[in-house]
Amino acid sequence: MSAALTFYTNPMSRGRIVRWMLEEVGAPYDTEILEYSTTMKGPEYLAINPMGKVPAIRHGDVVVTECAAICAYLADAFPGAGLAPPPAERGAYYRWLFFAAGPLESVVLNRSLGLEVPKEREMTTGFGNYGLVLDALERAVAGSGYLAGDAFSAADVYVGSQIGWGLEFGTIESRPAFQDYFAKLESRPARLRAAELDDAAGAGSSG
């Protein structure tokens, strides 16, 4: 697809996930850096995302927000990058993309805020409890493959980012399976390029 691609982000945000995905895709894109208290809440960007949050992308006339959705969209929009399995083989791919966007992010955020769901109310949540979520995630990443099989995919970009940050900041237990899984991802050239771009953008905006 040859439509113009614009990436809206802040280098100190979840936009780092989408930057990695864009670098994996390899298509040219423009970047608009937004500031939290000003341009991110301005009318021009609110027309893109009424939540006033980043990241977002505009691809031609299509606007996509939410990291997991952006990763899935880009994998489909640029199939030549090989970042999504064939449609008939996407069970695990969709499962773990949206597991990380729902149960994993929710339970990690709750825990980081010191919020604990009473045991008798766990059935009312979408995640149960921290241990249950991490056990499921550990089973998913254990072994020599990737989340959707033998090939790296957009699911690994999204889930791998969550695990990498969790290990760095201590919000996800440092289990061997998580360490081994992230070790397969952290030196990918696209991830390193993305980190360099975001670090440079962060230095520029702070200076």
N, C-alpha and C. Protein backbone atom coordinates (compact mmCIF):
# COMPACT_ATOMS: atom_id res chain seq x y z
N MET A 1 0.85 -1.18 0.00
CA MET A 1 0.00 0.00 0.00
C MET A 1 0.89 1.24 0.00
N SER A 2 0.58 2.21 -0.89
CA SER A 2 1.45 3.37 -1.05
C SER A 2 0.91 4.61 -0.35
N ALA A 3 -0.19 4.53 0.39
CA ALA A 3 -0.74 5.69 1.08
C ALA A 3 0.26 6.22 2.10
N ALA A 4 0.21 7.53 2.32
CA ALA A 4 1.11 8.15 3.29
C ALA A 4 0.82 7.60 4.69
N LEU A 5 1.88 7.40 5.46
CA LEU A 5 1.78 6.82 6.80
C LEU A 5 2.38 7.81 7.79
N THR A 6 1.57 8.23 8.76
CA THR A 6 2.02 9.17 9.79
C THR A 6 1.87 8.53 11.16
N PHE A 7 2.90 8.69 11.96
CA PHE A 7 2.99 8.11 13.29
C PHE A 7 2.97 9.24 14.31
N TYR A 8 1.98 9.21 15.22
CA TYR A 8 1.84 10.20 16.27
C TYR A 8 2.30 9.58 17.58
N THR A 9 3.24 10.24 18.26
CA THR A 9 3.84 9.59 19.41
C THR A 9 4.47 10.59 20.35
N ASN A 10 4.94 10.08 21.46
CA ASN A 10 5.87 10.76 22.35
C ASN A 10 6.90 9.69 22.72
N PRO A 11 8.19 10.02 22.71
CA PRO A 11 9.20 8.98 22.93
C PRO A 11 9.16 8.36 24.32
N MET A 12 8.46 8.98 25.25
CA MET A 12 8.30 8.41 26.58
C MET A 12 6.86 7.92 26.73
N SER A 13 6.49 6.99 25.88
CA SER A 13 5.12 6.48 25.89
C SER A 13 5.09 5.08 25.29
N ARG A 14 3.89 4.51 25.25
CA ARG A 14 3.71 3.22 24.59
C ARG A 14 3.96 3.32 23.08
N GLY A 15 4.13 4.53 22.60
CA GLY A 15 4.49 4.70 21.20
C GLY A 15 5.77 3.98 20.83
N ARG A 16 6.60 3.67 21.80
CA ARG A 16 7.83 2.92 21.52
C ARG A 16 7.50 1.53 20.96
N ILE A 17 6.37 0.97 21.36
CA ILE A 17 5.95 -0.32 20.80
C ILE A 17 5.68 -0.17 19.31
N VAL A 18 4.92 0.85 18.96
CA VAL A 18 4.55 1.06 17.56
C VAL A 18 5.76 1.45 16.73
N ARG A 19 6.67 2.22 17.30
CA ARG A 19 7.90 2.55 16.57
C ARG A 19 8.64 1.26 16.19
N TRP A 20 8.73 0.33 17.12
CA TRP A 20 9.39 -0.95 16.83
C TRP A 20 8.65 -1.66 15.70
N MET A 21 7.33 -1.68 15.78
CA MET A 21 6.54 -2.34 14.74
C MET A 21 6.76 -1.67 13.38
N LEU A 22 6.78 -0.36 13.35
CA LEU A 22 7.01 0.35 12.10
C LEU A 22 8.38 0.02 11.51
N GLU A 23 9.37 -0.09 12.36
CA GLU A 23 10.70 -0.44 11.87
C GLU A 23 10.75 -1.88 11.37
N GLU A 24 9.98 -2.77 11.97
CA GLU A 24 9.89 -4.14 11.46
C GLU A 24 9.20 -4.15 10.09
N VAL A 25 8.18 -3.34 9.93
CA VAL A 25 7.44 -3.27 8.67
C VAL A 25 8.35 -2.76 7.54
N GLY A 26 9.13 -1.74 7.84
CA GLY A 26 10.08 -1.23 6.86
C GLY A 26 9.52 -0.25 5.85
N ALA A 27 8.26 0.16 6.01
CA ALA A 27 7.66 1.13 5.10
C ALA A 27 8.02 2.54 5.56
N PRO A 28 8.15 3.49 4.63
CA PRO A 28 8.45 4.87 5.05
C PRO A 28 7.28 5.48 5.81
N TYR A 29 7.61 6.29 6.81
CA TYR A 29 6.57 6.95 7.59
C TYR A 29 7.09 8.27 8.12
N ASP A 30 6.16 9.18 8.38
CA ASP A 30 6.48 10.46 9.01
C ASP A 30 6.14 10.36 10.49
N THR A 31 6.88 11.07 11.30
CA THR A 31 6.66 11.06 12.74
C THR A 31 6.27 12.45 13.22
N GLU A 32 5.20 12.51 14.03
CA GLU A 32 4.82 13.75 14.70
C GLU A 32 4.95 13.51 16.20
N ILE A 33 5.88 14.24 16.83
CA ILE A 33 6.08 14.14 18.27
C ILE A 33 5.13 15.10 18.96
N LEU A 34 4.35 14.58 19.89
CA LEU A 34 3.37 15.37 20.62
C LEU A 34 3.78 15.47 22.09
N GLU A 35 3.47 16.59 22.71
CA GLU A 35 3.77 16.80 24.12
C GLU A 35 2.50 16.58 24.94
N TYR A 36 2.68 16.01 26.12
CA TYR A 36 1.53 15.57 26.92
C TYR A 36 0.57 16.70 27.28
N SER A 37 1.06 17.81 27.72
CA SER A 37 0.17 18.84 28.25
C SER A 37 -0.28 19.86 27.22
N THR A 38 0.25 19.77 25.99
CA THR A 38 -0.08 20.79 25.00
C THR A 38 -0.64 20.16 23.72
N THR A 39 0.23 19.79 22.79
CA THR A 39 -0.25 19.33 21.48
C THR A 39 -1.05 18.04 21.55
N MET A 40 -0.78 17.20 22.56
CA MET A 40 -1.55 15.96 22.66
C MET A 40 -3.01 16.22 23.01
N LYS A 41 -3.27 17.36 23.62
CA LYS A 41 -4.64 17.71 24.01
C LYS A 41 -5.22 18.81 23.12
N GLY A 42 -4.50 19.19 22.08
CA GLY A 42 -4.97 20.24 21.19
C GLY A 42 -6.01 19.75 20.21
N PRO A 43 -6.80 20.63 19.63
CA PRO A 43 -7.90 20.23 18.76
C PRO A 43 -7.45 19.45 17.53
N GLU A 44 -6.27 19.76 17.01
CA GLU A 44 -5.82 19.05 15.81
C GLU A 44 -5.60 17.57 16.09
N TYR A 45 -4.96 17.27 17.23
CA TYR A 45 -4.74 15.86 17.54
C TYR A 45 -5.99 15.19 18.10
N LEU A 46 -6.82 15.91 18.80
CA LEU A 46 -8.07 15.33 19.31
C LEU A 46 -8.97 14.87 18.17
N ALA A 47 -8.80 15.45 17.00
CA ALA A 47 -9.54 14.98 15.82
C ALA A 47 -9.02 13.61 15.36
N ILE A 48 -7.76 13.29 15.71
CA ILE A 48 -7.18 11.98 15.41
C ILE A 48 -7.58 10.98 16.48
N ASN A 49 -7.35 11.35 17.74
CA ASN A 49 -7.71 10.49 18.86
C ASN A 49 -8.38 11.32 19.94
N PRO A 50 -9.70 11.24 20.07
CA PRO A 50 -10.42 12.04 21.05
C PRO A 50 -9.98 11.78 22.49
N MET A 51 -9.29 10.65 22.74
CA MET A 51 -8.77 10.38 24.07
C MET A 51 -7.57 11.26 24.39
N GLY A 52 -6.97 11.88 23.37
CA GLY A 52 -5.79 12.71 23.62
C GLY A 52 -4.60 11.91 24.09
N LYS A 53 -4.46 10.69 23.57
CA LYS A 53 -3.38 9.79 23.97
C LYS A 53 -2.61 9.35 22.73
N VAL A 54 -1.36 8.99 22.94
CA VAL A 54 -0.56 8.38 21.89
C VAL A 54 -0.24 6.94 22.31
N PRO A 55 0.08 6.11 21.31
CA PRO A 55 0.30 6.39 19.90
C PRO A 55 -0.98 6.33 19.07
N ALA A 56 -0.83 6.81 17.84
CA ALA A 56 -1.85 6.64 16.81
C ALA A 56 -1.13 6.65 15.47
N ILE A 57 -1.79 6.12 14.46
CA ILE A 57 -1.26 6.23 13.11
C ILE A 57 -2.38 6.69 12.18
N ARG A 58 -1.97 7.38 11.12
CA ARG A 58 -2.88 7.65 10.01
C ARG A 58 -2.24 7.06 8.76
N HIS A 59 -2.99 6.19 8.11
CA HIS A 59 -2.50 5.55 6.88
C HIS A 59 -3.49 5.89 5.78
N GLY A 60 -3.13 6.88 4.96
CA GLY A 60 -4.11 7.39 4.01
C GLY A 60 -5.26 8.01 4.78
N ASP A 61 -6.46 7.51 4.58
CA ASP A 61 -7.63 8.02 5.30
C ASP A 61 -7.97 7.20 6.54
N VAL A 62 -7.18 6.18 6.83
CA VAL A 62 -7.46 5.29 7.95
C VAL A 62 -6.69 5.75 9.18
N VAL A 63 -7.40 5.90 10.29
CA VAL A 63 -6.78 6.23 11.58
C VAL A 63 -6.93 5.02 12.50
N VAL A 64 -5.83 4.64 13.15
CA VAL A 64 -5.87 3.53 14.10
C VAL A 64 -5.21 3.99 15.39
N THR A 65 -5.86 3.72 16.52
CA THR A 65 -5.28 3.97 17.84
C THR A 65 -5.22 2.63 18.58
N GLU A 66 -4.60 2.63 19.74
CA GLU A 66 -4.41 1.47 20.61
C GLU A 66 -3.30 0.57 20.05
N CYS A 67 -2.31 0.32 20.88
CA CYS A 67 -1.08 -0.34 20.40
C CYS A 67 -1.33 -1.69 19.75
N ALA A 68 -2.10 -2.55 20.38
CA ALA A 68 -2.33 -3.87 19.81
C ALA A 68 -3.04 -3.77 18.47
N ALA A 69 -4.01 -2.86 18.38
CA ALA A 69 -4.73 -2.67 17.12
C ALA A 69 -3.80 -2.14 16.03
N ILE A 70 -2.92 -1.22 16.40
CA ILE A 70 -1.99 -0.67 15.41
C ILE A 70 -1.04 -1.76 14.91
N CYS A 71 -0.52 -2.57 15.82
CA CYS A 71 0.37 -3.65 15.41
C CYS A 71 -0.34 -4.61 14.47
N ALA A 72 -1.56 -5.00 14.81
CA ALA A 72 -2.31 -5.93 13.95
C ALA A 72 -2.61 -5.29 12.60
N TYR A 73 -2.98 -4.01 12.60
CA TYR A 73 -3.28 -3.32 11.35
C TYR A 73 -2.05 -3.27 10.44
N LEU A 74 -0.92 -2.87 10.99
CA LEU A 74 0.29 -2.74 10.18
C LEU A 74 0.73 -4.08 9.60
N ALA A 75 0.56 -5.14 10.37
CA ALA A 75 0.92 -6.47 9.85
C ALA A 75 0.07 -6.82 8.64
N ASP A 76 -1.21 -6.44 8.66
CA ASP A 76 -2.09 -6.72 7.54
C ASP A 76 -1.88 -5.75 6.38
N ALA A 77 -1.60 -4.48 6.71
CA ALA A 77 -1.44 -3.47 5.66
C ALA A 77 -0.16 -3.67 4.86
N PHE A 78 0.84 -4.31 5.48
CA PHE A 78 2.12 -4.54 4.83
C PHE A 78 2.48 -6.02 4.91
N PRO A 79 1.74 -6.86 4.18
CA PRO A 79 1.94 -8.31 4.31
C PRO A 79 3.32 -8.78 3.89
N GLY A 80 4.01 -7.99 3.06
CA GLY A 80 5.34 -8.39 2.63
C GLY A 80 6.34 -8.50 3.77
N ALA A 81 6.04 -7.85 4.90
CA ALA A 81 6.94 -7.92 6.05
C ALA A 81 6.84 -9.26 6.78
N GLY A 82 5.78 -10.02 6.49
CA GLY A 82 5.62 -11.34 7.10
C GLY A 82 5.42 -11.31 8.60
N LEU A 83 4.65 -10.35 9.10
CA LEU A 83 4.48 -10.19 10.54
C LEU A 83 3.15 -10.70 11.07
N ALA A 84 2.42 -11.44 10.25
CA ALA A 84 1.19 -12.09 10.70
C ALA A 84 1.10 -13.45 10.02
N PRO A 85 0.64 -14.47 10.75
CA PRO A 85 0.45 -15.77 10.12
C PRO A 85 -0.69 -15.71 9.10
N PRO A 86 -0.82 -16.73 8.26
CA PRO A 86 -2.00 -16.79 7.38
C PRO A 86 -3.28 -16.76 8.21
N PRO A 87 -4.37 -16.22 7.66
CA PRO A 87 -5.60 -16.09 8.45
C PRO A 87 -6.06 -17.37 9.13
N ALA A 88 -5.90 -18.50 8.49
CA ALA A 88 -6.36 -19.76 9.08
C ALA A 88 -5.50 -20.22 10.25
N GLU A 89 -4.36 -19.54 10.46
CA GLU A 89 -3.42 -19.96 11.51
C GLU A 89 -3.23 -18.88 12.57
N ARG A 90 -4.23 -18.03 12.75
CA ARG A 90 -4.06 -16.87 13.62
C ARG A 90 -4.64 -17.04 15.02
N GLY A 91 -5.00 -18.24 15.42
CA GLY A 91 -5.59 -18.40 16.75
C GLY A 91 -4.69 -17.89 17.85
N ALA A 92 -3.47 -18.41 17.91
CA ALA A 92 -2.53 -17.99 18.96
C ALA A 92 -2.12 -16.54 18.79
N TYR A 93 -1.98 -16.12 17.56
CA TYR A 93 -1.58 -14.73 17.26
C TYR A 93 -2.57 -13.75 17.86
N TYR A 94 -3.86 -13.91 17.56
CA TYR A 94 -4.86 -13.01 18.13
C TYR A 94 -4.98 -13.20 19.63
N ARG A 95 -4.92 -14.42 20.08
CA ARG A 95 -5.07 -14.68 21.50
C ARG A 95 -4.07 -13.89 22.33
N TRP A 96 -2.79 -13.97 21.96
CA TRP A 96 -1.78 -13.36 22.82
C TRP A 96 -1.67 -11.85 22.60
N LEU A 97 -1.97 -11.36 21.41
CA LEU A 97 -2.05 -9.91 21.22
C LEU A 97 -3.04 -9.30 22.20
N PHE A 98 -4.22 -9.88 22.26
CA PHE A 98 -5.28 -9.27 23.05
C PHE A 98 -5.26 -9.72 24.50
N PHE A 99 -4.61 -10.83 24.80
CA PHE A 99 -4.34 -11.19 26.19
C PHE A 99 -3.43 -10.13 26.82
N ALA A 100 -2.40 -9.71 26.09
CA ALA A 100 -1.49 -8.70 26.62
C ALA A 100 -2.16 -7.34 26.74
N ALA A 101 -3.06 -7.02 25.79
CA ALA A 101 -3.76 -5.74 25.84
C ALA A 101 -4.81 -5.70 26.94
N GLY A 102 -5.33 -6.87 27.34
CA GLY A 102 -6.38 -6.92 28.35
C GLY A 102 -5.87 -7.41 29.69
N PRO A 103 -5.92 -8.72 29.95
CA PRO A 103 -5.53 -9.23 31.27
C PRO A 103 -4.13 -8.83 31.72
N LEU A 104 -3.14 -8.95 30.84
CA LEU A 104 -1.77 -8.66 31.29
C LEU A 104 -1.61 -7.19 31.68
N GLU A 105 -1.99 -6.27 30.79
CA GLU A 105 -1.80 -4.86 31.13
C GLU A 105 -2.63 -4.46 32.34
N SER A 106 -3.83 -4.99 32.45
CA SER A 106 -4.70 -4.62 33.58
C SER A 106 -4.11 -5.08 34.91
N VAL A 107 -3.68 -6.33 34.97
CA VAL A 107 -3.21 -6.86 36.26
C VAL A 107 -1.86 -6.25 36.64
N VAL A 108 -1.01 -5.98 35.65
CA VAL A 108 0.28 -5.35 35.95
C VAL A 108 0.07 -3.92 36.44
N LEU A 109 -0.84 -3.19 35.79
CA LEU A 109 -1.12 -1.82 36.23
C LEU A 109 -1.71 -1.81 37.63
N ASN A 110 -2.67 -2.69 37.88
CA ASN A 110 -3.26 -2.75 39.23
C ASN A 110 -2.19 -3.00 40.28
N ARG A 111 -1.32 -3.95 39.99
CA ARG A 111 -0.28 -4.31 40.96
C ARG A 111 0.68 -3.13 41.18
N SER A 112 1.04 -2.42 40.11
CA SER A 112 1.96 -1.30 40.26
C SER A 112 1.33 -0.15 41.05
N LEU A 113 0.00 -0.07 41.03
CA LEU A 113 -0.71 0.96 41.79
C LEU A 113 -1.05 0.50 43.21
N GLY A 114 -0.66 -0.73 43.55
CA GLY A 114 -0.95 -1.25 44.87
C GLY A 114 -2.39 -1.69 45.05
N LEU A 115 -3.07 -1.98 43.94
CA LEU A 115 -4.47 -2.40 43.99
C LEU A 115 -4.56 -3.92 43.91
N GLU A 116 -5.27 -4.51 44.83
CA GLU A 116 -5.40 -5.96 44.85
C GLU A 116 -6.89 -6.31 44.85
N VAL A 117 -7.29 -7.15 43.92
CA VAL A 117 -8.69 -7.58 43.86
C VAL A 117 -8.93 -8.61 44.96
N PRO A 118 -9.93 -8.42 45.81
CA PRO A 118 -10.22 -9.43 46.83
C PRO A 118 -10.50 -10.79 46.18
N LYS A 119 -10.03 -11.84 46.80
CA LYS A 119 -10.15 -13.17 46.21
C LYS A 119 -11.58 -13.51 45.85
N GLU A 120 -12.52 -13.09 46.67
CA GLU A 120 -13.91 -13.41 46.40
C GLU A 120 -14.49 -12.62 45.22
N ARG A 121 -13.75 -11.61 44.73
CA ARG A 121 -14.21 -10.83 43.60
C ARG A 121 -13.42 -11.12 42.32
N GLU A 122 -12.50 -12.06 42.35
CA GLU A 122 -11.67 -12.34 41.18
C GLU A 122 -12.49 -12.77 39.96
N MET A 123 -13.61 -13.43 40.21
CA MET A 123 -14.44 -13.88 39.09
C MET A 123 -15.04 -12.71 38.32
N THR A 124 -15.09 -11.54 38.93
CA THR A 124 -15.69 -10.39 38.25
C THR A 124 -14.68 -9.63 37.39
N THR A 125 -13.42 -9.97 37.50
CA THR A 125 -12.41 -9.29 36.71
C THR A 125 -12.13 -10.07 35.43
N GLY A 126 -11.43 -9.42 34.52
CA GLY A 126 -11.06 -10.09 33.28
C GLY A 126 -9.74 -10.83 33.37
N PHE A 127 -9.13 -10.82 34.55
CA PHE A 127 -7.81 -11.44 34.67
C PHE A 127 -7.65 -12.37 35.85
N GLY A 128 -8.56 -12.38 36.78
CA GLY A 128 -8.42 -13.27 37.93
C GLY A 128 -7.44 -12.71 38.93
N ASN A 129 -6.16 -13.06 38.79
CA ASN A 129 -5.14 -12.51 39.67
C ASN A 129 -3.78 -12.52 38.97
N TYR A 130 -2.84 -11.86 39.60
CA TYR A 130 -1.50 -11.67 39.02
C TYR A 130 -0.82 -13.01 38.71
N GLY A 131 -0.85 -13.92 39.66
CA GLY A 131 -0.19 -15.20 39.45
C GLY A 131 -0.80 -15.98 38.30
N LEU A 132 -2.10 -15.97 38.19
CA LEU A 132 -2.78 -16.69 37.12
C LEU A 132 -2.39 -16.13 35.76
N VAL A 133 -2.34 -14.82 35.63
CA VAL A 133 -1.97 -14.19 34.36
C VAL A 133 -0.52 -14.53 33.99
N LEU A 134 0.38 -14.40 34.96
CA LEU A 134 1.78 -14.68 34.66
C LEU A 134 2.03 -16.15 34.35
N ASP A 135 1.30 -17.04 35.01
CA ASP A 135 1.44 -18.46 34.69
C ASP A 135 1.03 -18.74 33.25
N ALA A 136 -0.08 -18.12 32.82
CA ALA A 136 -0.54 -18.32 31.45
C ALA A 136 0.48 -17.76 30.45
N LEU A 137 1.00 -16.58 30.76
CA LEU A 137 1.99 -15.96 29.88
C LEU A 137 3.26 -16.78 29.82
N GLU A 138 3.67 -17.31 30.96
CA GLU A 138 4.89 -18.13 30.99
C GLU A 138 4.74 -19.35 30.09
N ARG A 139 3.59 -20.00 30.14
CA ARG A 139 3.38 -21.16 29.26
C ARG A 139 3.42 -20.75 27.79
N ALA A 140 2.94 -19.55 27.49
CA ALA A 140 2.90 -19.10 26.10
C ALA A 140 4.28 -18.86 25.53
N VAL A 141 5.20 -18.33 26.34
CA VAL A 141 6.51 -17.95 25.81
C VAL A 141 7.58 -19.01 26.03
N ALA A 142 7.26 -20.05 26.79
CA ALA A 142 8.25 -21.10 27.04
C ALA A 142 8.55 -21.85 25.74
N GLY A 143 9.78 -22.28 25.59
CA GLY A 143 10.16 -23.05 24.41
C GLY A 143 10.97 -22.22 23.44
N SER A 144 11.26 -22.81 22.31
CA SER A 144 12.18 -22.18 21.36
C SER A 144 11.49 -21.37 20.28
N GLY A 145 10.16 -21.44 20.20
CA GLY A 145 9.44 -20.72 19.15
C GLY A 145 9.02 -19.33 19.57
N TYR A 146 8.06 -18.79 18.83
CA TYR A 146 7.49 -17.49 19.12
C TYR A 146 6.02 -17.66 19.49
N LEU A 147 5.34 -16.58 19.75
CA LEU A 147 3.97 -16.68 20.26
C LEU A 147 3.01 -17.31 19.27
N ALA A 148 3.21 -17.06 17.98
CA ALA A 148 2.28 -17.57 16.97
C ALA A 148 2.87 -18.74 16.19
N GLY A 149 3.91 -19.35 16.72
CA GLY A 149 4.52 -20.49 16.04
C GLY A 149 6.02 -20.32 15.91
N ASP A 150 6.56 -20.78 14.79
CA ASP A 150 8.01 -20.72 14.60
C ASP A 150 8.51 -19.38 14.10
N ALA A 151 7.61 -18.51 13.64
CA ALA A 151 8.01 -17.24 13.04
C ALA A 151 7.67 -16.06 13.95
N PHE A 152 8.56 -15.10 14.01
CA PHE A 152 8.33 -13.84 14.71
C PHE A 152 7.15 -13.12 14.07
N SER A 153 6.32 -12.47 14.90
CA SER A 153 5.13 -11.78 14.38
C SER A 153 4.86 -10.51 15.18
N ALA A 154 3.82 -9.80 14.76
CA ALA A 154 3.41 -8.59 15.47
C ALA A 154 3.06 -8.89 16.92
N ALA A 155 2.59 -10.10 17.20
CA ALA A 155 2.29 -10.47 18.58
C ALA A 155 3.54 -10.42 19.45
N ASP A 156 4.67 -10.79 18.88
CA ASP A 156 5.92 -10.74 19.64
C ASP A 156 6.37 -9.31 19.88
N VAL A 157 6.12 -8.42 18.93
CA VAL A 157 6.43 -7.01 19.15
C VAL A 157 5.65 -6.49 20.36
N TYR A 158 4.36 -6.75 20.37
CA TYR A 158 3.51 -6.19 21.42
C TYR A 158 3.75 -6.87 22.77
N VAL A 159 3.67 -8.19 22.78
CA VAL A 159 3.85 -8.91 24.05
C VAL A 159 5.30 -8.78 24.52
N GLY A 160 6.24 -8.86 23.59
CA GLY A 160 7.64 -8.73 23.97
C GLY A 160 7.94 -7.38 24.60
N SER A 161 7.31 -6.32 24.09
CA SER A 161 7.49 -5.00 24.70
C SER A 161 6.98 -4.98 26.13
N GLN A 162 5.82 -5.59 26.35
CA GLN A 162 5.26 -5.63 27.70
C GLN A 162 6.18 -6.39 28.65
N ILE A 163 6.71 -7.51 28.18
CA ILE A 163 7.59 -8.31 29.03
C ILE A 163 8.90 -7.57 29.28
N GLY A 164 9.46 -6.97 28.23
CA GLY A 164 10.72 -6.24 28.40
C GLY A 164 10.61 -5.13 29.42
N TRP A 165 9.54 -4.34 29.31
CA TRP A 165 9.35 -3.27 30.29
C TRP A 165 9.09 -3.83 31.67
N GLY A 166 8.30 -4.90 31.74
CA GLY A 166 8.00 -5.50 33.04
C GLY A 166 9.25 -6.00 33.75
N LEU A 167 10.16 -6.61 32.98
CA LEU A 167 11.41 -7.08 33.58
C LEU A 167 12.28 -5.90 33.99
N GLU A 168 12.32 -4.86 33.18
CA GLU A 168 13.16 -3.71 33.49
C GLU A 168 12.70 -2.98 34.73
N PHE A 169 11.39 -2.81 34.86
CA PHE A 169 10.86 -2.01 35.97
C PHE A 169 10.34 -2.85 37.14
N GLY A 170 10.46 -4.16 37.03
CA GLY A 170 10.08 -5.02 38.14
C GLY A 170 8.59 -5.24 38.30
N THR A 171 7.81 -4.95 37.28
CA THR A 171 6.36 -5.16 37.38
C THR A 171 5.95 -6.56 36.91
N ILE A 172 6.87 -7.27 36.27
CA ILE A 172 6.67 -8.66 35.91
C ILE A 172 7.78 -9.48 36.55
N GLU A 173 7.41 -10.56 37.21
CA GLU A 173 8.39 -11.40 37.87
C GLU A 173 9.46 -11.86 36.88
N SER A 174 10.69 -11.89 37.34
CA SER A 174 11.81 -12.26 36.47
C SER A 174 11.95 -13.79 36.41
N ARG A 175 11.02 -14.41 35.69
CA ARG A 175 11.07 -15.86 35.54
C ARG A 175 11.99 -16.24 34.37
N PRO A 176 12.66 -17.38 34.43
CA PRO A 176 13.57 -17.76 33.34
C PRO A 176 12.91 -17.75 31.96
N ALA A 177 11.66 -18.20 31.87
CA ALA A 177 10.99 -18.23 30.57
C ALA A 177 10.84 -16.83 29.99
N PHE A 178 10.56 -15.85 30.83
CA PHE A 178 10.43 -14.48 30.36
C PHE A 178 11.79 -13.92 29.93
N GLN A 179 12.82 -14.21 30.72
CA GLN A 179 14.16 -13.76 30.37
C GLN A 179 14.60 -14.36 29.04
N ASP A 180 14.37 -15.65 28.86
CA ASP A 180 14.80 -16.33 27.63
C ASP A 180 14.03 -15.81 26.42
N TYR A 181 12.75 -15.61 26.60
CA TYR A 181 11.93 -15.12 25.49
C TYR A 181 12.37 -13.73 25.06
N PHE A 182 12.53 -12.83 26.02
CA PHE A 182 12.91 -11.47 25.65
C PHE A 182 14.32 -11.42 25.07
N ALA A 183 15.19 -12.32 25.50
CA ALA A 183 16.55 -12.36 24.94
C ALA A 183 16.53 -12.63 23.45
N LYS A 184 15.51 -13.34 22.96
CA LYS A 184 15.39 -13.59 21.52
C LYS A 184 15.00 -12.35 20.74
N LEU A 185 14.42 -11.38 21.43
CA LEU A 185 13.85 -10.21 20.77
C LEU A 185 14.69 -8.96 20.87
N GLU A 186 15.40 -8.79 21.98
CA GLU A 186 15.97 -7.48 22.30
C GLU A 186 17.04 -7.02 21.33
N SER A 187 17.69 -7.94 20.62
CA SER A 187 18.74 -7.52 19.69
C SER A 187 18.28 -7.48 18.24
N ARG A 188 16.98 -7.59 18.00
CA ARG A 188 16.50 -7.48 16.63
C ARG A 188 16.87 -6.10 16.07
N PRO A 189 17.38 -6.04 14.83
CA PRO A 189 17.79 -4.75 14.27
C PRO A 189 16.70 -3.69 14.29
N ALA A 190 15.45 -4.09 13.99
CA ALA A 190 14.36 -3.11 13.98
C ALA A 190 14.11 -2.55 15.37
N ARG A 191 14.22 -3.38 16.39
CA ARG A 191 14.03 -2.90 17.75
C ARG A 191 15.14 -1.93 18.14
N LEU A 192 16.36 -2.23 17.78
CA LEU A 192 17.47 -1.34 18.10
C LEU A 192 17.35 -0.01 17.37
N ARG A 193 16.94 -0.06 16.09
CA ARG A 193 16.73 1.19 15.34
C ARG A 193 15.64 2.03 15.99
N ALA A 194 14.54 1.36 16.36
CA ALA A 194 13.42 2.08 16.98
C ALA A 194 13.86 2.75 18.27
N ALA A 195 14.62 2.03 19.09
CA ALA A 195 15.08 2.61 20.36
C ALA A 195 15.98 3.80 20.12
N GLU A 196 16.85 3.72 19.13
CA GLU A 196 17.73 4.84 18.81
C GLU A 196 16.93 6.07 18.38
N LEU A 197 15.93 5.84 17.53
CA LEU A 197 15.10 6.95 17.06
C LEU A 197 14.34 7.60 18.21
N ASP A 198 13.75 6.78 19.08
CA ASP A 198 12.99 7.34 20.19
C ASP A 198 13.89 8.01 21.21
N ASP A 199 15.05 7.42 21.47
CA ASP A 199 15.98 8.06 22.41
C ASP A 199 16.45 9.41 21.88
N ALA A 200 16.72 9.48 20.57
CA ALA A 200 17.13 10.75 19.98
C ALA A 200 16.00 11.77 20.03
N ALA A 201 14.78 11.32 19.75
CA ALA A 201 13.62 12.23 19.80
C ALA A 201 13.40 12.73 21.22
N GLY A 202 13.59 11.84 22.21
CA GLY A 202 13.43 12.23 23.59
C GLY A 202 14.46 13.26 24.02
N ALA A 203 15.70 13.05 23.58
CA ALA A 203 16.76 14.01 23.91
C ALA A 203 16.48 15.36 23.27
N GLY A 204 15.95 15.33 22.04
CA GLY A 204 15.65 16.58 21.34
C GLY A 204 14.52 17.34 21.99
N SER A 205 13.48 16.62 22.41
CA SER A 205 12.33 17.32 22.99
C SER A 205 12.63 17.85 24.39
N SER A 206 13.58 17.17 25.09
CA SER A 206 13.90 17.63 26.44
C SER A 206 14.91 18.75 26.44
N GLY A 207 15.62 18.91 25.31
CA GLY A 207 16.65 19.93 25.26
C GLY A 207 16.16 21.18 24.59
